[in-house]
Amino acid sequence: MDILALAKKEQERIVSYRRYLHENPELSQQETNTVSYICNRLEEFGISYVEVPKGGVLGFLGGDNESKTVLLR
């Protein structure tokens, strides 16, 4: 798998996510809109997640035997 090619293919979308988040800042531990935005993106990709109190989201990647957890904030 060519990770660099994959990243370049998704670059425009990823940059748009970053721009949105930077254009809509929120105070630390009060990131309700940020959490909502991230949860919506995870739902679009079919990634299960749980919200973490005070502005975090845990997304679960992989299958039952190879689960990986990523914290997005």
N, C-alpha and C. Protein backbone atom coordinates (compact mmCIF):
# COMPACT_ATOMS: atom_id res chain seq x y z
N MET A 1 0.84 -1.18 0.00
CA MET A 1 0.00 0.00 0.00
C MET A 1 0.89 1.25 0.00
N ASP A 2 0.64 2.16 -0.91
CA ASP A 2 1.40 3.40 -1.01
C ASP A 2 0.71 4.48 -0.18
N ILE A 3 1.15 4.64 1.06
CA ILE A 3 0.54 5.59 1.99
C ILE A 3 0.64 7.02 1.46
N LEU A 4 1.77 7.39 0.88
CA LEU A 4 1.94 8.75 0.36
C LEU A 4 0.92 9.04 -0.75
N ALA A 5 0.73 8.11 -1.64
CA ALA A 5 -0.25 8.30 -2.73
C ALA A 5 -1.66 8.42 -2.16
N LEU A 6 -1.97 7.59 -1.17
CA LEU A 6 -3.27 7.66 -0.52
C LEU A 6 -3.48 9.02 0.15
N ALA A 7 -2.46 9.50 0.85
CA ALA A 7 -2.55 10.79 1.53
C ALA A 7 -2.74 11.92 0.53
N LYS A 8 -2.02 11.87 -0.58
CA LYS A 8 -2.16 12.91 -1.61
C LYS A 8 -3.55 12.90 -2.21
N LYS A 9 -4.11 11.72 -2.37
CA LYS A 9 -5.46 11.59 -2.91
C LYS A 9 -6.49 12.26 -2.01
N GLU A 10 -6.27 12.19 -0.70
CA GLU A 10 -7.20 12.75 0.29
C GLU A 10 -6.80 14.13 0.80
N GLN A 11 -5.71 14.67 0.28
CA GLN A 11 -5.16 15.93 0.80
C GLN A 11 -6.18 17.06 0.82
N GLU A 12 -6.90 17.25 -0.26
CA GLU A 12 -7.85 18.37 -0.34
C GLU A 12 -8.92 18.27 0.74
N ARG A 13 -9.44 17.05 0.94
CA ARG A 13 -10.47 16.86 1.95
C ARG A 13 -9.91 17.10 3.35
N ILE A 14 -8.73 16.57 3.62
CA ILE A 14 -8.11 16.72 4.94
C ILE A 14 -7.80 18.19 5.23
N VAL A 15 -7.30 18.90 4.23
CA VAL A 15 -7.01 20.33 4.40
C VAL A 15 -8.31 21.09 4.69
N SER A 16 -9.40 20.71 4.03
CA SER A 16 -10.68 21.40 4.29
C SER A 16 -11.14 21.17 5.72
N TYR A 17 -10.90 19.97 6.26
CA TYR A 17 -11.24 19.71 7.68
C TYR A 17 -10.42 20.62 8.59
N ARG A 18 -9.12 20.68 8.34
CA ARG A 18 -8.25 21.51 9.18
C ARG A 18 -8.67 22.97 9.10
N ARG A 19 -8.95 23.44 7.90
CA ARG A 19 -9.35 24.85 7.73
C ARG A 19 -10.64 25.14 8.48
N TYR A 20 -11.61 24.25 8.36
CA TYR A 20 -12.87 24.45 9.08
C TYR A 20 -12.62 24.57 10.58
N LEU A 21 -11.84 23.66 11.12
CA LEU A 21 -11.59 23.67 12.57
C LEU A 21 -10.83 24.91 12.99
N HIS A 22 -9.89 25.36 12.19
CA HIS A 22 -9.12 26.56 12.54
C HIS A 22 -9.93 27.83 12.36
N GLU A 23 -10.90 27.81 11.46
CA GLU A 23 -11.76 28.98 11.25
C GLU A 23 -12.87 29.07 12.29
N ASN A 24 -13.07 28.01 13.06
CA ASN A 24 -14.13 27.95 14.06
C ASN A 24 -13.57 27.52 15.41
N PRO A 25 -12.67 28.33 15.97
CA PRO A 25 -12.03 27.93 17.23
C PRO A 25 -13.01 27.96 18.40
N GLU A 26 -12.71 27.14 19.40
CA GLU A 26 -13.50 27.12 20.63
C GLU A 26 -12.54 27.09 21.81
N LEU A 27 -13.04 27.52 22.95
CA LEU A 27 -12.23 27.52 24.15
C LEU A 27 -11.93 26.09 24.59
N SER A 28 -10.77 25.91 25.20
CA SER A 28 -10.35 24.60 25.68
C SER A 28 -11.39 24.01 26.62
N GLN A 29 -11.68 22.76 26.44
CA GLN A 29 -12.64 21.97 27.21
C GLN A 29 -14.08 22.45 27.03
N GLN A 30 -14.31 23.26 25.98
CA GLN A 30 -15.66 23.71 25.63
C GLN A 30 -15.88 23.53 24.13
N GLU A 31 -15.29 22.49 23.56
CA GLU A 31 -15.29 22.29 22.11
C GLU A 31 -16.51 21.52 21.63
N THR A 32 -17.70 22.01 21.93
CA THR A 32 -18.91 21.27 21.56
C THR A 32 -19.08 21.18 20.05
N ASN A 33 -18.84 22.29 19.33
CA ASN A 33 -18.98 22.26 17.87
C ASN A 33 -17.89 21.41 17.22
N THR A 34 -16.68 21.48 17.77
CA THR A 34 -15.58 20.68 17.26
C THR A 34 -15.89 19.19 17.40
N VAL A 35 -16.35 18.80 18.58
CA VAL A 35 -16.70 17.39 18.82
C VAL A 35 -17.80 16.95 17.87
N SER A 36 -18.80 17.79 17.70
CA SER A 36 -19.90 17.47 16.79
C SER A 36 -19.39 17.29 15.36
N TYR A 37 -18.50 18.19 14.93
CA TYR A 37 -17.92 18.11 13.59
C TYR A 37 -17.16 16.80 13.40
N ILE A 38 -16.33 16.47 14.36
CA ILE A 38 -15.54 15.23 14.27
C ILE A 38 -16.45 14.01 14.28
N CYS A 39 -17.45 14.00 15.14
CA CYS A 39 -18.38 12.87 15.19
C CYS A 39 -19.10 12.70 13.86
N ASN A 40 -19.51 13.80 13.25
CA ASN A 40 -20.17 13.73 11.94
C ASN A 40 -19.24 13.15 10.87
N ARG A 41 -17.97 13.55 10.89
CA ARG A 41 -17.02 13.01 9.92
C ARG A 41 -16.83 11.51 10.15
N LEU A 42 -16.71 11.09 11.41
CA LEU A 42 -16.54 9.67 11.72
C LEU A 42 -17.75 8.87 11.26
N GLU A 43 -18.95 9.41 11.47
CA GLU A 43 -20.16 8.73 11.02
C GLU A 43 -20.16 8.57 9.50
N GLU A 44 -19.71 9.61 8.78
CA GLU A 44 -19.64 9.53 7.32
C GLU A 44 -18.76 8.37 6.86
N PHE A 45 -17.70 8.09 7.62
CA PHE A 45 -16.77 7.02 7.28
C PHE A 45 -17.15 5.69 7.91
N GLY A 46 -18.24 5.65 8.67
CA GLY A 46 -18.67 4.41 9.30
C GLY A 46 -17.76 3.97 10.44
N ILE A 47 -17.13 4.93 11.10
CA ILE A 47 -16.22 4.63 12.21
C ILE A 47 -16.97 4.82 13.52
N SER A 48 -16.95 3.80 14.36
CA SER A 48 -17.60 3.91 15.66
C SER A 48 -16.74 4.78 16.58
N TYR A 49 -17.40 5.43 17.53
CA TYR A 49 -16.70 6.36 18.41
C TYR A 49 -17.48 6.55 19.70
N VAL A 50 -16.84 7.14 20.68
CA VAL A 50 -17.50 7.62 21.89
C VAL A 50 -16.96 9.01 22.17
N GLU A 51 -17.82 9.84 22.72
CA GLU A 51 -17.39 11.18 23.11
C GLU A 51 -16.73 11.11 24.49
N VAL A 52 -15.67 11.88 24.64
CA VAL A 52 -14.95 11.96 25.90
C VAL A 52 -15.29 13.31 26.54
N PRO A 53 -15.59 13.33 27.84
CA PRO A 53 -15.95 14.60 28.48
C PRO A 53 -14.92 15.70 28.23
N LYS A 54 -15.41 16.90 28.09
CA LYS A 54 -14.61 18.11 27.94
C LYS A 54 -13.85 18.18 26.62
N GLY A 55 -14.46 17.70 25.54
CA GLY A 55 -13.91 17.99 24.23
C GLY A 55 -13.11 16.94 23.51
N GLY A 56 -13.35 15.68 23.76
CA GLY A 56 -12.61 14.64 23.07
C GLY A 56 -13.52 13.64 22.39
N VAL A 57 -12.95 12.88 21.47
CA VAL A 57 -13.66 11.83 20.77
C VAL A 57 -12.70 10.66 20.61
N LEU A 58 -13.16 9.46 20.97
CA LEU A 58 -12.38 8.25 20.73
C LEU A 58 -13.00 7.54 19.54
N GLY A 59 -12.21 7.37 18.47
CA GLY A 59 -12.67 6.63 17.30
C GLY A 59 -12.00 5.26 17.29
N PHE A 60 -12.75 4.24 16.94
CA PHE A 60 -12.25 2.86 16.97
C PHE A 60 -12.06 2.35 15.55
N LEU A 61 -10.81 2.02 15.23
CA LEU A 61 -10.45 1.56 13.89
C LEU A 61 -10.08 0.09 13.94
N GLY A 62 -10.42 -0.64 12.89
CA GLY A 62 -10.05 -2.05 12.80
C GLY A 62 -11.20 -2.96 13.22
N GLY A 63 -10.95 -4.25 13.10
CA GLY A 63 -11.96 -5.24 13.48
C GLY A 63 -11.83 -5.62 14.93
N ASP A 64 -12.60 -6.60 15.34
CA ASP A 64 -12.61 -7.03 16.73
C ASP A 64 -11.24 -7.51 17.20
N ASN A 65 -10.52 -8.19 16.32
CA ASN A 65 -9.24 -8.76 16.72
C ASN A 65 -8.07 -7.79 16.58
N GLU A 66 -8.24 -6.75 15.78
CA GLU A 66 -7.14 -5.82 15.53
C GLU A 66 -7.58 -4.38 15.82
N SER A 67 -8.35 -4.19 16.86
CA SER A 67 -8.84 -2.85 17.18
C SER A 67 -7.71 -1.90 17.52
N LYS A 68 -7.82 -0.73 16.98
CA LYS A 68 -6.90 0.35 17.32
C LYS A 68 -7.78 1.53 17.73
N THR A 69 -7.34 2.29 18.69
CA THR A 69 -8.10 3.42 19.18
C THR A 69 -7.30 4.69 18.90
N VAL A 70 -8.01 5.70 18.42
CA VAL A 70 -7.39 6.97 18.12
C VAL A 70 -8.19 8.06 18.82
N LEU A 71 -7.53 8.93 19.56
CA LEU A 71 -8.21 10.07 20.18
C LEU A 71 -8.07 11.26 19.28
N LEU A 72 -9.20 11.81 18.89
CA LEU A 72 -9.22 13.03 18.06
C LEU A 72 -9.76 14.17 18.89
N ARG A 73 -9.12 15.31 18.75
CA ARG A 73 -9.64 16.46 19.49
C ARG A 73 -9.53 17.68 18.63
